[in-house]
């Protein structure tokens, strides 16, 4: 099922955001908001009701995919399942990511908000769900892993999602530091 077929995402707001995402037909660095609006058949006011800038489009989509599944890893699902569904949803828009960031170094730079969100979710899972005290060593592992995760997923998106989501999920789980796995088990 495509993310846009999910009944939870059938709101007019969500449909408009996907319409804007699908209007991106060249690298974001080379595309103006005016061109995105023309491609989507919307006004600039409509665009700015949904996004502050064209660079917020991939951040929104990434956070959406993450919130639906990956944020549940260590809570209501296991890591591999969370990763698989997150990567599956991202790969459904691989044409967007490949096109939007073709020949650009920006993709990794666009995600500091996502790194902070990811770190906050992992901390909440460790402390709030598993009641584990986070010491300096665990915090270091968490910080390092979030950075590594971002770099690897960014590279995967840039290459057109060259690995199947299930294979990437298995590989990502294999990279989780043992102390982080223990804290979230």
C-alpha atoms as a PDB file:
ATOM      1  CA  UNK A   1       0.000   0.000   0.000  1.00  0.00           C
ATOM      2  CA  UNK A   2       1.399   3.395  -0.939  1.00  0.00           C
ATOM      3  CA  UNK A   3       1.709   5.963   1.815  1.00  0.00           C
ATOM      4  CA  UNK A   4      -0.847   8.146   0.037  1.00  0.00           C
ATOM      5  CA  UNK A   5      -3.317   5.207   0.078  1.00  0.00           C
ATOM      6  CA  UNK A   6      -3.189   5.042   3.878  1.00  0.00           C
ATOM      7  CA  UNK A   7      -6.593   6.186   5.229  1.00  0.00           C
ATOM      8  CA  UNK A   8      -4.819   7.988   8.110  1.00  0.00           C
ATOM      9  CA  UNK A   9      -3.203  10.216   5.508  1.00  0.00           C
ATOM     10  CA  UNK A  10      -6.280  10.947   3.414  1.00  0.00           C
ATOM     11  CA  UNK A  11      -6.771  14.497   4.680  1.00  0.00           C
ATOM     12  CA  UNK A  12      -6.849  17.403   2.221  1.00  0.00           C
ATOM     13  CA  UNK A  13      -3.759  18.836   3.968  1.00  0.00           C
ATOM     14  CA  UNK A  14      -1.813  15.632   3.414  1.00  0.00           C
ATOM     15  CA  UNK A  15      -3.013  15.356  -0.195  1.00  0.00           C
ATOM     16  CA  UNK A  16      -1.800  18.896  -0.880  1.00  0.00           C
ATOM     17  CA  UNK A  17       1.604  18.196   0.633  1.00  0.00           C
ATOM     18  CA  UNK A  18       1.991  15.153  -1.601  1.00  0.00           C
ATOM     19  CA  UNK A  19       0.824  17.160  -4.606  1.00  0.00           C
ATOM     20  CA  UNK A  20       3.591  19.674  -3.870  1.00  0.00           C
ATOM     21  CA  UNK A  21       6.162  16.914  -3.354  1.00  0.00           C
ATOM     22  CA  UNK A  22       5.218  15.354  -6.690  1.00  0.00           C
ATOM     23  CA  UNK A  23       5.562  18.732  -8.435  1.00  0.00           C
ATOM     24  CA  UNK A  24       9.325  18.678  -7.856  1.00  0.00           C
ATOM     25  CA  UNK A  25      10.729  17.672 -11.241  1.00  0.00           C
ATOM     26  CA  UNK A  26      14.326  18.851 -11.013  1.00  0.00           C
ATOM     27  CA  UNK A  27      16.954  19.418  -8.304  1.00  0.00           C
ATOM     28  CA  UNK A  28      15.678  21.656  -5.500  1.00  0.00           C
ATOM     29  CA  UNK A  29      18.759  23.866  -5.859  1.00  0.00           C
ATOM     30  CA  UNK A  30      17.694  24.599  -9.454  1.00  0.00           C
ATOM     31  CA  UNK A  31      13.950  24.844  -8.884  1.00  0.00           C
ATOM     32  CA  UNK A  32      12.096  27.898  -7.611  1.00  0.00           C
ATOM     33  CA  UNK A  33       8.995  27.858  -5.431  1.00  0.00           C
ATOM     34  CA  UNK A  34       7.225  29.591  -8.332  1.00  0.00           C
ATOM     35  CA  UNK A  35       8.063  26.632 -10.610  1.00  0.00           C
ATOM     36  CA  UNK A  36       6.911  24.116  -7.997  1.00  0.00           C
ATOM     37  CA  UNK A  37       3.624  26.011  -7.691  1.00  0.00           C
ATOM     38  CA  UNK A  38       3.200  26.082 -11.477  1.00  0.00           C
ATOM     39  CA  UNK A  39       3.883  22.332 -11.708  1.00  0.00           C
ATOM     40  CA  UNK A  40       1.405  21.641  -8.895  1.00  0.00           C
ATOM     41  CA  UNK A  41      -1.215  24.074 -10.204  1.00  0.00           C
ATOM     42  CA  UNK A  42      -1.346  25.979  -6.916  1.00  0.00           C
ATOM     43  CA  UNK A  43      -0.683  29.497  -5.682  1.00  0.00           C
ATOM     44  CA  UNK A  44       2.391  30.580  -3.735  1.00  0.00           C
ATOM     45  CA  UNK A  45       0.103  31.253  -0.759  1.00  0.00           C
ATOM     46  CA  UNK A  46      -1.010  27.625  -0.854  1.00  0.00           C
ATOM     47  CA  UNK A  47       2.612  26.459  -0.983  1.00  0.00           C
ATOM     48  CA  UNK A  48       3.559  28.634   1.996  1.00  0.00           C
ATOM     49  CA  UNK A  49       0.565  27.413   4.014  1.00  0.00           C
ATOM     50  CA  UNK A  50       2.167  23.956   3.881  1.00  0.00           C
ATOM     51  CA  UNK A  51       5.926  24.616   3.775  1.00  0.00           C
ATOM     52  CA  UNK A  52       8.230  27.430   4.841  1.00  0.00           C
ATOM     53  CA  UNK A  53      10.646  26.677   1.999  1.00  0.00           C
ATOM     54  CA  UNK A  54      11.190  24.179  -0.785  1.00  0.00           C
ATOM     55  CA  UNK A  55      13.787  22.474   1.409  1.00  0.00           C
ATOM     56  CA  UNK A  56      11.121  21.666   3.989  1.00  0.00           C
ATOM     57  CA  UNK A  57       9.458  19.225   1.574  1.00  0.00           C
ATOM     58  CA  UNK A  58      11.916  16.339   2.099  1.00  0.00           C
ATOM     59  CA  UNK A  59      12.153  17.087   5.830  1.00  0.00           C
ATOM     60  CA  UNK A  60       8.367  16.805   6.112  1.00  0.00           C
ATOM     61  CA  UNK A  61       8.262  13.557   4.151  1.00  0.00           C
ATOM     62  CA  UNK A  62      11.186  12.057   6.068  1.00  0.00           C
ATOM     63  CA  UNK A  63       9.604  12.910   9.420  1.00  0.00           C
ATOM     64  CA  UNK A  64       6.287  11.496   8.233  1.00  0.00           C
ATOM     65  CA  UNK A  65       7.831   8.156   7.281  1.00  0.00           C
ATOM     66  CA  UNK A  66       9.827   8.109  10.504  1.00  0.00           C
ATOM     67  CA  UNK A  67       6.857   8.903  12.729  1.00  0.00           C
ATOM     68  CA  UNK A  68       4.683   6.180  11.229  1.00  0.00           C
ATOM     69  CA  UNK A  69       7.110   3.311  11.856  1.00  0.00           C
ATOM     70  CA  UNK A  70      10.709   4.017  12.827  1.00  0.00           C
ATOM     71  CA  UNK A  71       9.754   5.954  15.952  1.00  0.00           C
ATOM     72  CA  UNK A  72       8.020   2.785  17.181  1.00  0.00           C
ATOM     73  CA  UNK A  73      11.213   0.684  17.121  1.00  0.00           C
ATOM     74  CA  UNK A  74      11.939  -0.428  20.666  1.00  0.00           C
ATOM     75  CA  UNK A  75       8.398   0.494  21.699  1.00  0.00           C
ATOM     76  CA  UNK A  76       5.682  -1.357  19.831  1.00  0.00           C
ATOM     77  CA  UNK A  77       7.813  -2.986  17.142  1.00  0.00           C
ATOM     78  CA  UNK A  78      11.295  -4.336  16.651  1.00  0.00           C
ATOM     79  CA  UNK A  79      14.096  -2.397  14.946  1.00  0.00           C
ATOM     80  CA  UNK A  80      14.076  -4.347  11.701  1.00  0.00           C
ATOM     81  CA  UNK A  81      10.326  -3.944  11.198  1.00  0.00           C
ATOM     82  CA  UNK A  82      10.503  -0.230  12.010  1.00  0.00           C
ATOM     83  CA  UNK A  83      13.378   0.286   9.594  1.00  0.00           C
ATOM     84  CA  UNK A  84      11.806  -1.804   6.872  1.00  0.00           C
ATOM     85  CA  UNK A  85       8.538   0.154   6.838  1.00  0.00           C
ATOM     86  CA  UNK A  86      10.322   3.511   7.128  1.00  0.00           C
ATOM     87  CA  UNK A  87      12.582   2.636   4.188  1.00  0.00           C
ATOM     88  CA  UNK A  88       9.651   1.232   2.219  1.00  0.00           C
ATOM     89  CA  UNK A  89       7.762   4.512   2.579  1.00  0.00           C
ATOM     90  CA  UNK A  90      10.836   6.563   1.663  1.00  0.00           C
ATOM     91  CA  UNK A  91      11.516   4.354  -1.364  1.00  0.00           C
ATOM     92  CA  UNK A  92       7.997   4.986  -2.653  1.00  0.00           C
ATOM     93  CA  UNK A  93       9.222   8.527  -3.315  1.00  0.00           C
ATOM     94  CA  UNK A  94      12.674   7.569  -4.595  1.00  0.00           C
ATOM     95  CA  UNK A  95      12.078   9.525  -7.812  1.00  0.00           C
ATOM     96  CA  UNK A  96      11.516  12.653  -5.721  1.00  0.00           C
ATOM     97  CA  UNK A  97      14.678  12.194  -3.658  1.00  0.00           C
ATOM     98  CA  UNK A  98      16.842  11.261  -6.635  1.00  0.00           C
ATOM     99  CA  UNK A  99      15.584  14.216  -8.659  1.00  0.00           C
ATOM    100  CA  UNK A 100      15.465  16.742  -5.825  1.00  0.00           C
ATOM    101  CA  UNK A 101      19.055  16.143  -4.764  1.00  0.00           C
ATOM    102  CA  UNK A 102      20.749  15.225  -8.015  1.00  0.00           C
ATOM    103  CA  UNK A 103      24.243  16.757  -8.012  1.00  0.00           C
ATOM    104  CA  UNK A 104      23.628  18.420  -4.657  1.00  0.00           C
ATOM    105  CA  UNK A 105      25.489  18.228  -1.388  1.00  0.00           C
ATOM    106  CA  UNK A 106      22.531  19.566   0.544  1.00  0.00           C
ATOM    107  CA  UNK A 107      20.629  16.432   1.521  1.00  0.00           C
ATOM    108  CA  UNK A 108      22.647  15.653   4.655  1.00  0.00           C
ATOM    109  CA  UNK A 109      22.555  19.353   5.576  1.00  0.00           C
ATOM    110  CA  UNK A 110      18.763  19.408   5.392  1.00  0.00           C
ATOM    111  CA  UNK A 111      18.266  16.991   8.244  1.00  0.00           C
ATOM    112  CA  UNK A 112      19.537  18.550  11.506  1.00  0.00           C
ATOM    113  CA  UNK A 113      15.891  18.782  12.619  1.00  0.00           C
ATOM    114  CA  UNK A 114      15.437  15.111  11.825  1.00  0.00           C
ATOM    115  CA  UNK A 115      18.586  14.200  13.761  1.00  0.00           C
ATOM    116  CA  UNK A 116      17.273  16.075  16.786  1.00  0.00           C
ATOM    117  CA  UNK A 117      13.868  14.430  16.418  1.00  0.00           C
ATOM    118  CA  UNK A 118      15.449  10.987  16.075  1.00  0.00           C
ATOM    119  CA  UNK A 119      17.675  11.532  19.096  1.00  0.00           C
ATOM    120  CA  UNK A 120      14.727  12.766  21.180  1.00  0.00           C
ATOM    121  CA  UNK A 121      12.614   9.739  20.222  1.00  0.00           C
ATOM    122  CA  UNK A 122      15.419   7.315  21.055  1.00  0.00           C
ATOM    123  CA  UNK A 123      16.023   9.039  24.412  1.00  0.00           C
ATOM    124  CA  UNK A 124      12.308   8.927  25.220  1.00  0.00           C
ATOM    125  CA  UNK A 125      12.211   5.230  24.309  1.00  0.00           C
ATOM    126  CA  UNK A 126      15.239   4.426  26.460  1.00  0.00           C
ATOM    127  CA  UNK A 127      14.229   6.522  29.458  1.00  0.00           C
ATOM    128  CA  UNK A 128      10.437   6.594  29.276  1.00  0.00           C
ATOM    129  CA  UNK A 129       9.658   3.148  27.912  1.00  0.00           C
ATOM    130  CA  UNK A 130      12.551   1.077  29.217  1.00  0.00           C
ATOM    131  CA  UNK A 131      13.476   3.156  32.291  1.00  0.00           C
ATOM    132  CA  UNK A 132      17.195   2.970  31.534  1.00  0.00           C
ATOM    133  CA  UNK A 133      19.515   5.661  32.837  1.00  0.00           C
ATOM    134  CA  UNK A 134      21.459   7.322  30.016  1.00  0.00           C
ATOM    135  CA  UNK A 135      25.101   7.752  30.995  1.00  0.00           C
ATOM    136  CA  UNK A 136      27.834   9.489  28.981  1.00  0.00           C
ATOM    137  CA  UNK A 137      28.847   6.302  27.168  1.00  0.00           C
ATOM    138  CA  UNK A 138      25.295   5.508  26.085  1.00  0.00           C
ATOM    139  CA  UNK A 139      24.745   9.122  25.005  1.00  0.00           C
ATOM    140  CA  UNK A 140      27.914   8.952  22.913  1.00  0.00           C
ATOM    141  CA  UNK A 141      26.668   5.738  21.246  1.00  0.00           C
ATOM    142  CA  UNK A 142      23.289   7.312  20.629  1.00  0.00           C
ATOM    143  CA  UNK A 143      24.777  10.484  19.091  1.00  0.00           C
ATOM    144  CA  UNK A 144      27.203   8.532  16.914  1.00  0.00           C
ATOM    145  CA  UNK A 145      24.544   6.110  15.755  1.00  0.00           C
ATOM    146  CA  UNK A 146      22.073   8.870  14.823  1.00  0.00           C
ATOM    147  CA  UNK A 147      24.797  10.552  12.744  1.00  0.00           C
ATOM    148  CA  UNK A 148      25.737   7.261  11.058  1.00  0.00           C
ATOM    149  CA  UNK A 149      22.091   6.434  10.413  1.00  0.00           C
ATOM    150  CA  UNK A 150      21.571   9.825   8.745  1.00  0.00           C
ATOM    151  CA  UNK A 151      24.632   9.504   6.525  1.00  0.00           C
ATOM    152  CA  UNK A 152      23.698   5.995   5.372  1.00  0.00           C
ATOM    153  CA  UNK A 153      20.036   6.784   4.716  1.00  0.00           C
ATOM    154  CA  UNK A 154      21.027   9.989   2.898  1.00  0.00           C
ATOM    155  CA  UNK A 155      23.392   8.037   0.662  1.00  0.00           C
ATOM    156  CA  UNK A 156      20.685   5.449   0.031  1.00  0.00           C
ATOM    157  CA  UNK A 157      18.175   8.146  -0.972  1.00  0.00           C
ATOM    158  CA  UNK A 158      20.729   9.836  -3.240  1.00  0.00           C
ATOM    159  CA  UNK A 159      21.445   6.605  -5.069  1.00  0.00           C
ATOM    160  CA  UNK A 160      17.778   6.019  -5.869  1.00  0.00           C
ATOM    161  CA  UNK A 161      17.211   3.567  -3.037  1.00  0.00           C
ATOM    162  CA  UNK A 162      19.585   1.088  -4.666  1.00  0.00           C
ATOM    163  CA  UNK A 163      19.131  -1.513  -1.907  1.00  0.00           C
ATOM    164  CA  UNK A 164      15.766  -3.108  -1.234  1.00  0.00           C
ATOM    165  CA  UNK A 165      14.213  -1.757   1.994  1.00  0.00           C
ATOM    166  CA  UNK A 166      14.355  -5.188   3.672  1.00  0.00           C
ATOM    167  CA  UNK A 167      18.085  -5.548   2.942  1.00  0.00           C
ATOM    168  CA  UNK A 168      18.880  -2.025   4.131  1.00  0.00           C
ATOM    169  CA  UNK A 169      16.827  -2.689   7.291  1.00  0.00           C
ATOM    170  CA  UNK A 170      18.870  -5.819   8.070  1.00  0.00           C
ATOM    171  CA  UNK A 171      22.121  -3.962   7.482  1.00  0.00           C
ATOM    172  CA  UNK A 172      21.078  -1.037   9.673  1.00  0.00           C
ATOM    173  CA  UNK A 173      20.120  -3.328  12.553  1.00  0.00           C
ATOM    174  CA  UNK A 174      23.555  -4.964  12.313  1.00  0.00           C
ATOM    175  CA  UNK A 175      25.136  -1.529  12.896  1.00  0.00           C
ATOM    176  CA  UNK A 176      23.260  -0.655  16.089  1.00  0.00           C
ATOM    177  CA  UNK A 177      25.729  -0.463  18.993  1.00  0.00           C
ATOM    178  CA  UNK A 178      25.121  -3.319  21.467  1.00  0.00           C
ATOM    179  CA  UNK A 179      24.685  -0.893  24.380  1.00  0.00           C
ATOM    180  CA  UNK A 180      21.941   0.943  22.462  1.00  0.00           C
ATOM    181  CA  UNK A 181      20.220  -2.347  21.583  1.00  0.00           C
ATOM    182  CA  UNK A 182      20.336  -3.446  25.239  1.00  0.00           C
ATOM    183  CA  UNK A 183      18.937  -0.118  26.426  1.00  0.00           C
ATOM    184  CA  UNK A 184      15.994  -0.438  24.058  1.00  0.00           C
ATOM    185  CA  UNK A 185      15.204  -4.112  24.686  1.00  0.00           C
END
